[in-house]
Amino acid sequence: MRAYILIQDERPQDFIELLPKINQLGSLMKMHSDPLRKFRNNIFHLRDNHGELERFLNGQHNRLEWAEELQTVLCEFFSEYRTYCQVHYIIEGRKDEFII
């Protein structure tokens, strides 16, 4: 996952604490990566037949539960990332970027 490398190599040292969350996201995304790719393609390249969409959502793999868990982990990651950014802005004196 490119985000892992970005956090590891291009962000302040404190951001490394986010790496376990990125690993969790990567694992969740890999669970259904091929069906997710097909689902995405069917959403952004509209088809006349919606069978693939229905199969993705109604399949035996509990994908709605998986999608909810993925959404939750994404929200947690971006919330934590935002907090790290705000702290970094304060420490670096970047007042214009700090959101009160």
C-alpha atoms as a PDB file:
ATOM      1  CA  MET A   1       0.000   0.000   0.000  1.00  0.00           C
ATOM      2  CA  ARG A   2       1.489   3.335  -1.021  1.00  0.00           C
ATOM      3  CA  ALA A   3       0.165   5.041   2.099  1.00  0.00           C
ATOM      4  CA  TYR A   4       2.475   2.864   4.199  1.00  0.00           C
ATOM      5  CA  ILE A   5       5.549   4.092   2.328  1.00  0.00           C
ATOM      6  CA  LEU A   6       4.307   7.681   2.428  1.00  0.00           C
ATOM      7  CA  ILE A   7       3.817   7.612   6.203  1.00  0.00           C
ATOM      8  CA  GLN A   8       7.093   5.784   6.766  1.00  0.00           C
ATOM      9  CA  ASP A   9       9.288   7.902   4.483  1.00  0.00           C
ATOM     10  CA  GLU A  10       7.589  11.257   3.902  1.00  0.00           C
ATOM     11  CA  ARG A  11       5.949  12.216   7.205  1.00  0.00           C
ATOM     12  CA  PRO A  12       7.326  13.218  10.620  1.00  0.00           C
ATOM     13  CA  GLN A  13       8.451  10.353  12.867  1.00  0.00           C
ATOM     14  CA  ASP A  14       5.327  10.507  15.078  1.00  0.00           C
ATOM     15  CA  PHE A  15       3.151   9.505  12.122  1.00  0.00           C
ATOM     16  CA  ILE A  16       4.713   6.022  12.205  1.00  0.00           C
ATOM     17  CA  GLU A  17       2.200   5.201  14.943  1.00  0.00           C
ATOM     18  CA  LEU A  18      -0.397   5.122  12.136  1.00  0.00           C
ATOM     19  CA  LEU A  19       1.271   2.188  10.361  1.00  0.00           C
ATOM     20  CA  PRO A  20      -0.715  -0.535  12.198  1.00  0.00           C
ATOM     21  CA  LYS A  21      -3.944   1.159  11.083  1.00  0.00           C
ATOM     22  CA  ILE A  22      -2.665   1.223   7.494  1.00  0.00           C
ATOM     23  CA  ASN A  23      -1.839  -2.480   7.768  1.00  0.00           C
ATOM     24  CA  GLN A  24      -5.366  -3.131   9.020  1.00  0.00           C
ATOM     25  CA  LEU A  25      -6.803  -1.212   6.061  1.00  0.00           C
ATOM     26  CA  GLY A  26      -4.630  -3.152   3.636  1.00  0.00           C
ATOM     27  CA  SER A  27      -5.746  -6.468   5.090  1.00  0.00           C
ATOM     28  CA  LEU A  28      -9.406  -5.490   4.895  1.00  0.00           C
ATOM     29  CA  MET A  29      -9.064  -4.331   1.300  1.00  0.00           C
ATOM     30  CA  LYS A  30      -7.249  -7.521   0.255  1.00  0.00           C
ATOM     31  CA  MET A  31     -10.102  -9.676   1.583  1.00  0.00           C
ATOM     32  CA  HIS A  32     -12.248  -8.779  -1.423  1.00  0.00           C
ATOM     33  CA  SER A  33      -9.807  -6.987  -3.731  1.00  0.00           C
ATOM     34  CA  ASP A  34     -10.839  -8.592  -7.021  1.00  0.00           C
ATOM     35  CA  PRO A  35     -14.612  -8.343  -6.422  1.00  0.00           C
ATOM     36  CA  LEU A  36     -14.063  -4.786  -5.147  1.00  0.00           C
ATOM     37  CA  ARG A  37     -12.216  -3.893  -8.364  1.00  0.00           C
ATOM     38  CA  LYS A  38     -15.082  -5.287 -10.437  1.00  0.00           C
ATOM     39  CA  PHE A  39     -17.605  -3.453  -8.264  1.00  0.00           C
ATOM     40  CA  ARG A  40     -15.707  -0.171  -8.677  1.00  0.00           C
ATOM     41  CA  ASN A  41     -15.484  -0.639 -12.443  1.00  0.00           C
ATOM     42  CA  ASN A  42     -19.208  -1.337 -12.661  1.00  0.00           C
ATOM     43  CA  ILE A  43     -19.970   1.801 -10.660  1.00  0.00           C
ATOM     44  CA  PHE A  44     -17.722   4.161 -12.604  1.00  0.00           C
ATOM     45  CA  HIS A  45     -18.333   2.554 -16.000  1.00  0.00           C
ATOM     46  CA  LEU A  46     -22.082   2.149 -15.865  1.00  0.00           C
ATOM     47  CA  ARG A  47     -23.451  -1.044 -17.310  1.00  0.00           C
ATOM     48  CA  ASP A  48     -26.890  -1.905 -18.616  1.00  0.00           C
ATOM     49  CA  ASN A  49     -26.858  -5.107 -16.582  1.00  0.00           C
ATOM     50  CA  HIS A  50     -26.521  -4.622 -12.823  1.00  0.00           C
ATOM     51  CA  GLY A  51     -25.987  -8.311 -12.078  1.00  0.00           C
ATOM     52  CA  GLU A  52     -22.366  -7.829 -10.998  1.00  0.00           C
ATOM     53  CA  LEU A  53     -23.401  -5.161  -8.508  1.00  0.00           C
ATOM     54  CA  GLU A  54     -26.109  -7.387  -7.075  1.00  0.00           C
ATOM     55  CA  ARG A  55     -23.738 -10.349  -6.827  1.00  0.00           C
ATOM     56  CA  PHE A  56     -21.185  -8.210  -5.024  1.00  0.00           C
ATOM     57  CA  LEU A  57     -23.683  -6.893  -2.487  1.00  0.00           C
ATOM     58  CA  ASN A  58     -25.783 -10.028  -2.032  1.00  0.00           C
ATOM     59  CA  GLY A  59     -23.034 -12.633  -2.148  1.00  0.00           C
ATOM     60  CA  GLN A  60     -22.206 -15.156   0.513  1.00  0.00           C
ATOM     61  CA  HIS A  61     -19.215 -13.184   1.771  1.00  0.00           C
ATOM     62  CA  ASN A  62     -21.022 -10.692   4.056  1.00  0.00           C
ATOM     63  CA  ARG A  63     -19.581  -7.835   2.044  1.00  0.00           C
ATOM     64  CA  LEU A  64     -21.881  -5.261   3.587  1.00  0.00           C
ATOM     65  CA  GLU A  65     -20.459  -6.096   7.019  1.00  0.00           C
ATOM     66  CA  TRP A  66     -16.978  -5.973   5.515  1.00  0.00           C
ATOM     67  CA  ALA A  67     -17.714  -2.614   3.867  1.00  0.00           C
ATOM     68  CA  GLU A  68     -18.980  -1.240   7.173  1.00  0.00           C
ATOM     69  CA  GLU A  69     -15.821  -2.400   8.948  1.00  0.00           C
ATOM     70  CA  LEU A  70     -13.668  -0.913   6.175  1.00  0.00           C
ATOM     71  CA  GLN A  71     -15.564   2.390   6.447  1.00  0.00           C
ATOM     72  CA  THR A  72     -15.036   2.436  10.218  1.00  0.00           C
ATOM     73  CA  VAL A  73     -11.304   1.777   9.949  1.00  0.00           C
ATOM     74  CA  LEU A  74     -10.958   4.439   7.230  1.00  0.00           C
ATOM     75  CA  CYS A  75     -12.748   6.969   9.446  1.00  0.00           C
ATOM     76  CA  GLU A  76     -10.511   6.080  12.391  1.00  0.00           C
ATOM     77  CA  PHE A  77      -7.374   6.373  10.267  1.00  0.00           C
ATOM     78  CA  PHE A  78      -8.250   9.782   8.829  1.00  0.00           C
ATOM     79  CA  SER A  79      -9.339  11.081  12.222  1.00  0.00           C
ATOM     80  CA  GLU A  80      -6.019  10.028  13.748  1.00  0.00           C
ATOM     81  CA  TYR A  81      -4.108  11.357  10.731  1.00  0.00           C
ATOM     82  CA  ARG A  82      -5.849  14.725  11.063  1.00  0.00           C
ATOM     83  CA  THR A  83      -4.890  14.861  14.746  1.00  0.00           C
ATOM     84  CA  TYR A  84      -1.241  14.133  13.953  1.00  0.00           C
ATOM     85  CA  CYS A  85      -1.313  16.861  11.294  1.00  0.00           C
ATOM     86  CA  GLN A  86      -2.797  19.415  13.679  1.00  0.00           C
ATOM     87  CA  VAL A  87      -0.153  18.662  16.328  1.00  0.00           C
ATOM     88  CA  HIS A  88       2.575  18.914  13.686  1.00  0.00           C
ATOM     89  CA  TYR A  89       1.210  22.268  12.503  1.00  0.00           C
ATOM     90  CA  ILE A  90       1.244  23.644  16.051  1.00  0.00           C
ATOM     91  CA  ILE A  91       4.782  22.415  16.754  1.00  0.00           C
ATOM     92  CA  GLU A  92       6.068  23.822  13.453  1.00  0.00           C
ATOM     93  CA  GLY A  93       4.280  27.159  13.915  1.00  0.00           C
ATOM     94  CA  ARG A  94       2.130  26.657  10.819  1.00  0.00           C
ATOM     95  CA  LYS A  95      -0.789  28.650  12.227  1.00  0.00           C
ATOM     96  CA  ASP A  96      -2.435  29.195   8.848  1.00  0.00           C
ATOM     97  CA  GLU A  97      -2.930  25.434   8.466  1.00  0.00           C
ATOM     98  CA  PHE A  98      -4.157  24.763  11.997  1.00  0.00           C
ATOM     99  CA  ILE A  99      -7.916  24.298  12.299  1.00  0.00           C
ATOM    100  CA  ILE A 100      -9.404  25.374  15.605  1.00  0.00           C
END
